[in-house]
Amino acid sequence: MDDLLDRDGVQRIEAYFEDVGRLLGDVRRKGSFAAYARGLLLDGDRKSVEPIAARVCGEPVATKRMHDRILNFLVDSTWSDRTIRLFAARHGLDAMAAVGEQVSHWIIDDTGFIKQGSHSVGVQRQYTGSAGKRINCQIGVSLSIASPNHHLPIDFDLFIPESWTSKPKRRAEARIPPDLVFRTKPQIAVDMIARALDDGIPPGLVLADAAYGDSSDFRKSLRDRGLDYAVGIRNGTKVWRVDAKLRRRGPAISVRELGLALMGDGGFRRVTWREGTGAALSSRFAIVRVVPFHDDGWHPDVREDVGLVIEWEQGEATPNKFTLTTLPARLSKRKTVRRIKERYRTERVYQELKGQFGLDHYEGRRYPGWHHHISCVLICNAFILGERLRSFPPSAARYRQARPVALAA
């Protein structure tokens, strides 16, 4: 990190680490956490356990001892990820509230952790948007909260494929909890959302891509919890179009077919949703009321009507992006589009977590270690968000000079 952390900033991070240490409930854990978190915060090309121990200690014998301490802290210590992550979330929320920013969105997404070999828990050849293809990787599903100007990841969970959950030997070696059963990514997302609500995180409009939005169970779970959503769907998803009195018109058709029909009706209008780096970002949109079609035994008359937002991007021959949303029909097209486009920041946040805090650098193979590592990353990220919101960016350079070893004690 290249920014500056002054004396007050050093005192804030020491107090922050003290608070985390109390939650960890053990002096040894507190020291190991401080060393590991310091390694994640400071500059370094690789932020796995061994290079962090080397940077913190320098001397070979001390480095070996520190390596073993951190590894024990991550893999064998039985501290609560949920408690630590909630502390980080509340710290970030307090920092956002201090500058008048309130939560407007909850964002569900996932990212890949590219791996070599077959022993890291949950790894298999699977698609990840991080690489844009199928590759040997782990997949982490995340929940982030966002205000109009800031984005804070508050929870992650590792997707464990059936190739792992169905194999007792693999489960035992990876220390997968005995009660953990196979869950799809939408089911993992619902569990994280339920935790956040139980923990009192202020709700927002839930955004997700088609990997989640195509699941009618996922959408229903959100509505059952009183949450609005704007979620992507694939072009083959079927809907009934409804009239002003919410009566279904004709048979259920795919959203792609509906988009093609609207092309001839002049139903698309250009909307600008934000200023990009070089130019305003805009596209053509149509919004119609529909009832989603799915074979779940429920009669269409008792299903909720929702908005279907159809985007026709520049350079595309036909409409190519589709979103279902429970935002009010009275909301203007521009406001609706601007809200559903807020998901764009997630990929940038993933890049920052990986580049600055080593989100994907963990080399351990076991389930507890992966989740403990993620918790430490979220703790570090929340602290840095708080410092940025103070308009006082922290610095590894000054941080090293001010407290070279104290935080690793």
Protein backbone atom coordinates (compact mmCIF):
# COMPACT_ATOMS: atom_id res chain seq x y z
CA MET A 1 0.00 0.00 0.00
CA ASP A 2 1.36 3.37 -1.00
CA ASP A 3 -0.86 5.76 0.98
CA LEU A 4 0.02 7.32 4.32
CA LEU A 5 -1.11 6.29 7.81
CA ASP A 6 -0.28 8.96 10.38
CA ARG A 7 0.07 8.59 14.16
CA ASP A 8 -3.71 8.82 14.69
CA GLY A 9 -4.21 6.19 12.02
CA VAL A 10 -1.74 3.86 13.76
CA GLN A 11 -3.68 4.32 17.00
CA ARG A 12 -6.94 3.54 15.18
CA ILE A 13 -5.61 0.32 13.69
CA GLU A 14 -4.17 -0.77 17.04
CA ALA A 15 -7.56 -0.18 18.69
CA TYR A 16 -9.28 -1.99 15.84
CA PHE A 17 -6.97 -4.99 16.19
CA GLU A 18 -7.53 -4.97 19.96
CA ASP A 19 -11.28 -5.19 19.40
CA VAL A 20 -10.80 -8.10 16.99
CA GLY A 21 -8.47 -9.76 19.50
CA ARG A 22 -11.13 -9.62 22.20
CA LEU A 23 -13.59 -11.32 19.84
CA LEU A 24 -11.03 -14.05 19.11
CA GLY A 25 -10.95 -14.74 22.84
CA ASP A 26 -7.33 -15.85 23.21
CA VAL A 27 -4.03 -13.96 23.54
CA ARG A 28 -2.20 -16.30 21.19
CA ARG A 29 -4.91 -15.99 18.55
CA LYS A 30 -4.79 -12.22 18.92
CA GLY A 31 -1.06 -12.14 18.19
CA SER A 32 -1.32 -14.52 15.25
CA PHE A 33 -4.20 -12.54 13.79
CA ALA A 34 -2.30 -9.26 14.14
CA ALA A 35 0.72 -10.71 12.35
CA TYR A 36 -1.35 -12.16 9.53
CA ALA A 37 -3.53 -9.07 9.10
CA ARG A 38 -0.45 -6.86 9.08
CA GLY A 39 0.99 -9.06 6.32
CA LEU A 40 -2.21 -8.68 4.30
CA LEU A 41 -2.17 -4.90 4.72
CA LEU A 42 1.49 -4.32 3.87
CA ASP A 43 2.99 -4.37 0.40
CA GLY A 44 4.07 -7.69 -1.05
CA ASP A 45 3.70 -9.63 -4.27
CA ARG A 46 2.45 -12.75 -2.52
CA LYS A 47 0.22 -12.79 0.56
CA SER A 48 0.17 -16.44 1.53
CA VAL A 49 1.33 -17.65 4.94
CA GLU A 50 5.02 -18.28 4.22
CA PRO A 51 5.90 -14.91 2.63
CA ILE A 52 3.82 -13.07 5.23
CA ALA A 53 5.76 -14.77 8.04
CA ALA A 54 9.03 -13.86 6.32
CA ARG A 55 8.04 -10.19 5.92
CA VAL A 56 6.84 -9.92 9.52
CA CYS A 57 9.95 -11.56 11.06
CA GLY A 58 12.83 -11.50 8.60
CA GLU A 59 15.06 -13.90 10.57
CA PRO A 60 14.80 -17.59 9.46
CA VAL A 61 14.18 -19.24 12.86
CA ALA A 62 11.61 -16.63 13.90
CA THR A 63 10.01 -16.90 10.46
CA LYS A 64 9.50 -20.64 10.90
CA ARG A 65 7.89 -20.13 14.32
CA MET A 66 5.64 -17.37 12.95
CA HIS A 67 4.70 -19.52 9.95
CA ASP A 68 3.58 -22.32 12.26
CA ARG A 69 1.65 -19.92 14.52
CA ILE A 70 -0.25 -18.36 11.63
CA LEU A 71 -0.98 -21.72 10.07
CA ASN A 72 -2.37 -23.00 13.35
CA PHE A 73 -4.47 -19.84 13.70
CA LEU A 74 -5.97 -20.28 10.23
CA VAL A 75 -6.43 -24.04 10.06
CA ASP A 76 -6.80 -25.39 13.60
CA SER A 77 -8.20 -22.52 15.70
CA THR A 78 -11.95 -22.73 16.26
CA TRP A 79 -12.93 -19.06 16.24
CA SER A 80 -16.17 -17.77 14.72
CA ASP A 81 -15.99 -16.44 11.17
CA ARG A 82 -19.50 -15.04 11.51
CA THR A 83 -18.60 -12.98 14.59
CA ILE A 84 -15.47 -11.53 13.01
CA ARG A 85 -17.18 -10.75 9.71
CA LEU A 86 -20.08 -9.05 11.47
CA PHE A 87 -17.59 -6.87 13.35
CA ALA A 88 -16.02 -5.87 10.02
CA ALA A 89 -19.43 -5.18 8.47
CA ARG A 90 -20.48 -2.94 11.35
CA HIS A 91 -17.20 -1.05 11.21
CA GLY A 92 -17.75 -0.35 7.50
CA LEU A 93 -21.40 0.56 8.05
CA ASP A 94 -20.47 3.01 10.81
CA ALA A 95 -17.87 4.61 8.55
CA MET A 96 -20.40 4.97 5.74
CA ALA A 97 -23.04 6.40 8.09
CA ALA A 98 -20.52 8.94 9.41
CA VAL A 99 -20.37 10.53 5.95
CA GLY A 100 -24.14 10.31 5.41
CA GLU A 101 -24.17 7.20 3.23
CA GLN A 102 -26.87 4.56 3.69
CA VAL A 103 -27.11 1.06 2.27
CA SER A 104 -28.99 1.03 -1.05
CA HIS A 105 -28.06 -2.37 -2.53
CA TRP A 106 -27.10 -5.89 -1.60
CA ILE A 107 -25.04 -7.55 -4.31
CA ILE A 108 -24.66 -11.28 -4.80
CA ASP A 109 -21.85 -12.48 -7.05
CA ASP A 110 -19.06 -15.05 -7.20
CA THR A 111 -15.41 -15.10 -8.12
CA GLY A 112 -12.85 -17.75 -9.01
CA PHE A 113 -9.74 -18.76 -7.07
CA ILE A 114 -7.55 -20.37 -9.72
CA LYS A 115 -5.65 -23.42 -8.46
CA GLN A 116 -3.19 -26.06 -9.56
CA GLY A 117 -3.83 -29.66 -8.57
CA SER A 118 -6.87 -31.32 -7.05
CA HIS A 119 -6.39 -31.12 -3.27
CA SER A 120 -7.59 -27.59 -2.37
CA VAL A 121 -11.07 -27.90 -0.87
CA GLY A 122 -13.84 -27.41 -3.43
CA VAL A 123 -11.53 -27.26 -6.42
CA GLN A 124 -12.59 -28.72 -9.74
CA ARG A 125 -12.73 -27.71 -13.38
CA GLN A 126 -15.63 -25.24 -13.56
CA TYR A 127 -16.64 -21.95 -15.15
CA THR A 128 -15.60 -18.71 -13.52
CA GLY A 129 -16.15 -15.21 -14.80
CA SER A 130 -12.73 -14.31 -13.36
CA ALA A 131 -11.13 -16.26 -16.21
CA GLY A 132 -14.07 -16.16 -18.63
CA LYS A 133 -13.88 -19.91 -19.15
CA ARG A 134 -13.87 -23.31 -17.46
CA ILE A 135 -10.71 -23.73 -15.45
CA ASN A 136 -9.39 -25.56 -12.40
CA CYS A 137 -10.53 -23.34 -9.55
CA GLN A 138 -12.49 -22.80 -6.37
CA ILE A 139 -15.59 -20.59 -6.46
CA GLY A 140 -16.38 -18.15 -3.66
CA VAL A 141 -19.92 -16.73 -3.46
CA SER A 142 -20.07 -13.26 -1.91
CA LEU A 143 -22.55 -10.83 -0.41
CA SER A 144 -21.66 -7.14 -0.56
CA ILE A 145 -23.52 -4.11 0.68
CA ALA A 146 -23.35 -0.86 -1.25
CA SER A 147 -24.18 2.78 -0.79
CA PRO A 148 -24.36 5.16 -3.77
CA ASN A 149 -20.57 5.62 -3.61
CA HIS A 150 -19.07 2.69 -1.71
CA HIS A 151 -19.09 -1.08 -1.82
CA LEU A 152 -18.32 -3.37 1.13
CA PRO A 153 -18.10 -7.18 0.89
CA ILE A 154 -19.41 -8.59 4.18
CA ASP A 155 -19.62 -12.34 3.62
CA PHE A 156 -18.15 -15.12 1.48
CA ASP A 157 -18.88 -18.82 1.32
CA LEU A 158 -17.05 -21.51 -0.60
CA PHE A 159 -19.03 -23.45 -3.21
CA ILE A 160 -18.42 -27.14 -2.50
CA PRO A 161 -19.27 -29.28 -5.57
CA GLU A 162 -20.90 -32.69 -5.28
CA SER A 163 -17.56 -34.19 -6.32
CA TRP A 164 -16.48 -33.19 -2.80
CA THR A 165 -19.63 -33.48 -0.68
CA SER A 166 -20.29 -37.04 -1.90
CA LYS A 167 -16.78 -38.34 -1.12
CA PRO A 168 -16.23 -39.15 2.61
CA LYS A 169 -12.45 -39.36 2.22
CA ARG A 170 -12.19 -35.97 0.50
CA ARG A 171 -14.50 -34.44 3.09
CA ALA A 172 -12.40 -35.75 5.96
CA GLU A 173 -9.09 -34.62 4.47
CA ALA A 174 -10.47 -31.13 3.75
CA ARG A 175 -12.24 -30.90 7.14
CA ILE A 176 -15.58 -30.14 5.55
CA PRO A 177 -18.13 -29.88 8.40
CA PRO A 178 -20.13 -33.10 8.84
CA ASP A 179 -23.47 -31.28 8.60
CA LEU A 180 -22.62 -29.42 5.39
CA VAL A 181 -24.57 -30.81 2.42
CA PHE A 182 -24.31 -29.90 -1.24
CA ARG A 183 -25.78 -26.47 -1.96
CA THR A 184 -26.16 -24.70 -5.27
CA LYS A 185 -24.75 -21.19 -5.56
CA PRO A 186 -28.25 -19.64 -5.25
CA GLN A 187 -28.82 -21.68 -2.07
CA ILE A 188 -25.51 -20.45 -0.67
CA ALA A 189 -26.57 -16.89 -1.50
CA VAL A 190 -29.91 -17.32 0.28
CA ASP A 191 -28.12 -18.60 3.39
CA MET A 192 -25.82 -15.55 3.42
CA ILE A 193 -28.77 -13.20 2.98
CA ALA A 194 -30.61 -14.89 5.85
CA ARG A 195 -27.54 -14.46 8.08
CA ALA A 196 -27.24 -10.79 7.19
CA LEU A 197 -30.89 -10.15 8.00
CA ASP A 198 -30.59 -12.03 11.29
CA ASP A 199 -27.53 -9.92 12.13
CA GLY A 200 -29.41 -6.67 11.52
CA ILE A 201 -27.59 -5.53 8.38
CA PRO A 202 -29.70 -2.74 6.78
CA PRO A 203 -31.44 -4.23 3.73
CA GLY A 204 -31.15 -3.01 0.15
CA LEU A 205 -32.24 -3.90 -3.36
CA VAL A 206 -30.72 -7.32 -4.12
CA LEU A 207 -28.74 -7.47 -7.35
CA ALA A 208 -27.43 -10.65 -8.97
CA ASP A 209 -26.65 -12.03 -12.40
CA ALA A 210 -28.49 -14.78 -14.26
CA ALA A 211 -26.70 -17.57 -12.42
CA TYR A 212 -28.88 -16.58 -9.46
CA GLY A 213 -31.79 -14.71 -11.07
CA ASP A 214 -32.83 -17.68 -13.19
CA SER A 215 -33.67 -19.58 -10.00
CA SER A 216 -37.32 -19.05 -9.14
CA ASP A 217 -36.57 -20.43 -5.66
CA PHE A 218 -33.92 -17.75 -5.17
CA ARG A 219 -36.32 -14.98 -6.23
CA LYS A 220 -39.09 -16.36 -4.01
CA SER A 221 -36.74 -16.58 -1.04
CA LEU A 222 -35.97 -12.88 -1.41
CA ARG A 223 -39.63 -11.92 -1.56
CA ASP A 224 -40.47 -14.17 1.40
CA ARG A 225 -37.93 -12.12 3.37
CA GLY A 226 -39.42 -8.81 2.24
CA LEU A 227 -36.56 -7.91 -0.11
CA ASP A 228 -36.82 -6.29 -3.53
CA TYR A 229 -34.58 -7.54 -6.31
CA ALA A 230 -33.23 -6.79 -9.77
CA VAL A 231 -31.68 -9.97 -11.11
CA GLY A 232 -30.43 -11.05 -14.50
CA ILE A 233 -32.09 -13.89 -16.38
CA ARG A 234 -31.09 -15.85 -19.48
CA ASN A 235 -32.72 -15.12 -22.81
CA GLY A 236 -34.61 -18.41 -22.84
CA THR A 237 -36.51 -17.67 -19.62
CA LYS A 238 -40.24 -17.59 -20.29
CA VAL A 239 -42.77 -15.00 -19.15
CA TRP A 240 -46.34 -13.91 -19.75
CA ARG A 241 -46.76 -10.30 -20.71
CA VAL A 242 -49.57 -8.56 -18.80
CA ASP A 243 -51.76 -5.57 -19.64
CA ALA A 244 -52.55 -2.50 -17.54
CA LYS A 245 -55.00 -4.57 -15.46
CA LEU A 246 -52.32 -7.22 -14.96
CA ARG A 247 -54.15 -9.74 -17.13
CA ARG A 248 -51.96 -12.22 -18.99
CA ARG A 249 -51.78 -11.71 -22.74
CA GLY A 250 -51.25 -14.79 -24.88
CA PRO A 251 -48.99 -17.77 -24.19
CA ALA A 252 -45.75 -17.66 -22.24
CA ILE A 253 -42.83 -16.76 -24.49
CA SER A 254 -39.09 -16.38 -23.97
CA VAL A 255 -37.79 -12.96 -23.02
CA ARG A 256 -35.73 -13.01 -26.20
CA GLU A 257 -38.91 -13.39 -28.26
CA LEU A 258 -40.54 -10.58 -26.33
CA GLY A 259 -37.52 -8.35 -26.94
CA LEU A 260 -37.68 -9.05 -30.66
CA ALA A 261 -41.39 -8.17 -30.71
CA LEU A 262 -40.71 -4.86 -28.96
CA MET A 263 -38.10 -3.93 -31.57
CA GLY A 264 -40.87 -3.53 -34.12
CA ASP A 265 -43.14 -1.66 -31.71
CA GLY A 266 -40.66 1.13 -31.01
CA GLY A 267 -40.58 0.16 -27.35
CA PHE A 268 -36.90 0.95 -26.80
CA ARG A 269 -35.55 4.30 -25.59
CA ARG A 270 -31.97 5.33 -24.93
CA VAL A 271 -31.06 5.80 -21.26
CA THR A 272 -27.80 7.11 -19.80
CA TRP A 273 -27.10 5.67 -16.36
CA ARG A 274 -23.70 7.12 -15.42
CA GLU A 275 -20.59 8.83 -16.70
CA GLY A 276 -17.87 6.38 -17.70
CA THR A 277 -14.13 6.98 -17.89
CA GLY A 278 -14.24 8.39 -21.40
CA ALA A 279 -17.91 8.90 -22.13
CA ALA A 280 -21.43 8.60 -20.79
CA LEU A 281 -22.66 5.02 -20.49
CA SER A 282 -25.94 4.52 -22.27
CA SER A 283 -27.97 1.88 -24.04
CA ARG A 284 -31.50 1.27 -25.33
CA PHE A 285 -34.03 -0.11 -22.87
CA ALA A 286 -37.61 -1.31 -22.76
CA ILE A 287 -39.53 -2.11 -19.56
CA VAL A 288 -42.71 -4.17 -19.55
CA ARG A 289 -44.77 -5.90 -16.85
CA VAL A 290 -44.67 -9.68 -16.92
CA VAL A 291 -45.46 -12.76 -14.87
CA PRO A 292 -42.54 -15.24 -14.82
CA PHE A 293 -43.27 -18.73 -16.09
CA HIS A 294 -41.95 -21.80 -14.32
CA ASP A 295 -43.34 -25.28 -13.75
CA ASP A 296 -43.65 -25.17 -9.96
CA GLY A 297 -47.30 -26.13 -9.52
CA TRP A 298 -48.47 -22.58 -8.77
CA HIS A 299 -51.24 -21.11 -10.90
CA PRO A 300 -50.14 -18.01 -12.84
CA ASP A 301 -52.95 -15.94 -11.31
CA VAL A 302 -51.35 -16.14 -7.86
CA ARG A 303 -47.86 -15.21 -9.04
CA GLU A 304 -46.47 -11.74 -8.59
CA ASP A 305 -46.13 -9.52 -11.63
CA VAL A 306 -42.69 -7.96 -11.98
CA GLY A 307 -40.86 -5.60 -14.29
CA LEU A 308 -38.85 -7.03 -17.18
CA VAL A 309 -36.02 -4.69 -18.19
CA ILE A 310 -34.72 -5.47 -21.67
CA GLU A 311 -31.45 -3.92 -22.80
CA TRP A 312 -30.37 -3.59 -26.42
CA GLU A 313 -26.69 -2.74 -26.40
CA GLN A 314 -24.94 -0.70 -29.05
CA GLY A 315 -23.54 -2.93 -31.77
CA GLU A 316 -25.91 -5.82 -31.01
CA ALA A 317 -28.35 -6.89 -33.71
CA THR A 318 -31.07 -7.71 -31.18
CA PRO A 319 -31.84 -7.08 -27.50
CA ASN A 320 -29.33 -9.06 -25.45
CA LYS A 321 -29.67 -8.45 -21.69
CA PHE A 322 -32.69 -9.22 -19.52
CA THR A 323 -33.48 -8.37 -15.89
CA LEU A 324 -36.45 -9.14 -13.65
CA THR A 325 -37.15 -6.58 -10.95
CA THR A 326 -39.67 -5.92 -8.20
CA LEU A 327 -38.94 -2.19 -8.22
CA PRO A 328 -42.19 -0.18 -8.35
CA ALA A 329 -43.75 0.22 -11.80
CA ARG A 330 -44.15 3.94 -11.12
CA LEU A 331 -40.37 4.41 -10.92
CA SER A 332 -39.04 6.15 -14.01
CA LYS A 333 -37.11 4.17 -16.60
CA ARG A 334 -33.94 6.12 -15.89
CA LYS A 335 -34.09 5.52 -12.13
CA THR A 336 -34.84 1.85 -12.67
CA VAL A 337 -31.91 1.42 -15.04
CA ARG A 338 -29.54 3.30 -12.77
CA ARG A 339 -30.41 1.08 -9.83
CA ILE A 340 -30.01 -2.21 -11.65
CA LYS A 341 -26.65 -1.12 -13.08
CA GLU A 342 -25.07 -0.77 -9.63
CA ARG A 343 -23.72 -4.32 -9.80
CA TYR A 344 -20.83 -3.17 -12.01
CA ARG A 345 -18.62 -2.28 -9.03
CA THR A 346 -18.38 -5.86 -7.75
CA GLU A 347 -15.73 -7.00 -10.21
CA ARG A 348 -13.60 -3.98 -9.39
CA VAL A 349 -13.89 -4.79 -5.67
CA TYR A 350 -12.84 -8.40 -6.33
CA GLN A 351 -9.77 -7.11 -8.16
CA GLU A 352 -8.92 -4.85 -5.24
CA LEU A 353 -9.37 -7.62 -2.66
CA LYS A 354 -7.13 -9.90 -4.70
CA GLY A 355 -4.54 -7.27 -5.57
CA GLN A 356 -4.28 -5.44 -2.22
CA PHE A 357 -5.22 -8.05 0.36
CA GLY A 358 -4.38 -11.39 -1.26
CA LEU A 359 -7.96 -12.67 -1.36
CA ASP A 360 -6.95 -15.47 -3.74
CA HIS A 361 -3.43 -16.07 -2.41
CA TYR A 362 -4.31 -18.56 0.32
CA GLU A 363 -2.58 -21.87 -0.41
CA GLY A 364 -4.09 -24.07 2.30
CA ARG A 365 -6.24 -27.02 1.35
CA ARG A 366 -8.78 -27.17 4.16
CA TYR A 367 -12.25 -25.70 4.58
CA PRO A 368 -11.70 -23.89 7.92
CA GLY A 369 -8.47 -22.27 6.71
CA TRP A 370 -10.08 -20.88 3.56
CA HIS A 371 -12.90 -19.27 5.52
CA HIS A 372 -10.60 -17.92 8.26
CA HIS A 373 -8.38 -16.36 5.58
CA ILE A 374 -11.40 -14.69 3.97
CA SER A 375 -12.48 -13.31 7.35
CA CYS A 376 -9.06 -11.70 7.84
CA VAL A 377 -9.26 -10.15 4.37
CA LEU A 378 -12.72 -8.72 5.15
CA ILE A 379 -11.43 -7.29 8.44
CA CYS A 380 -8.56 -5.54 6.62
CA ASN A 381 -10.79 -4.26 3.84
CA ALA A 382 -13.35 -2.79 6.26
CA PHE A 383 -10.62 -0.92 8.12
CA ILE A 384 -9.23 0.54 4.90
CA LEU A 385 -12.72 1.61 3.80
CA GLY A 386 -13.08 3.46 7.08
CA GLU A 387 -9.78 5.24 6.55
CA ARG A 388 -10.71 6.23 3.01
CA LEU A 389 -13.98 7.64 4.22
CA ARG A 390 -12.01 9.79 6.64
CA SER A 391 -10.27 11.20 3.54
CA PHE A 392 -7.07 9.96 5.12
CA PRO A 393 -5.63 7.08 3.11
CA PRO A 394 -3.42 4.71 5.11
CA SER A 395 0.16 3.79 4.27
CA ALA A 396 2.23 0.68 4.55
CA ALA A 397 5.40 2.77 4.43
CA ARG A 398 4.56 5.00 7.41
CA TYR A 399 2.87 2.03 9.08
CA ARG A 400 6.10 0.00 8.89
CA GLN A 401 8.17 2.88 10.24
CA ALA A 402 5.78 3.68 13.10
CA ARG A 403 5.17 0.13 14.36
CA PRO A 404 7.63 -2.38 12.87
CA VAL A 405 6.86 -5.33 15.15
CA ALA A 406 4.29 -4.36 17.79
CA LEU A 407 1.23 -5.60 15.91
CA ALA A 408 2.78 -9.04 15.43
CA ALA A 409 3.57 -9.49 19.11
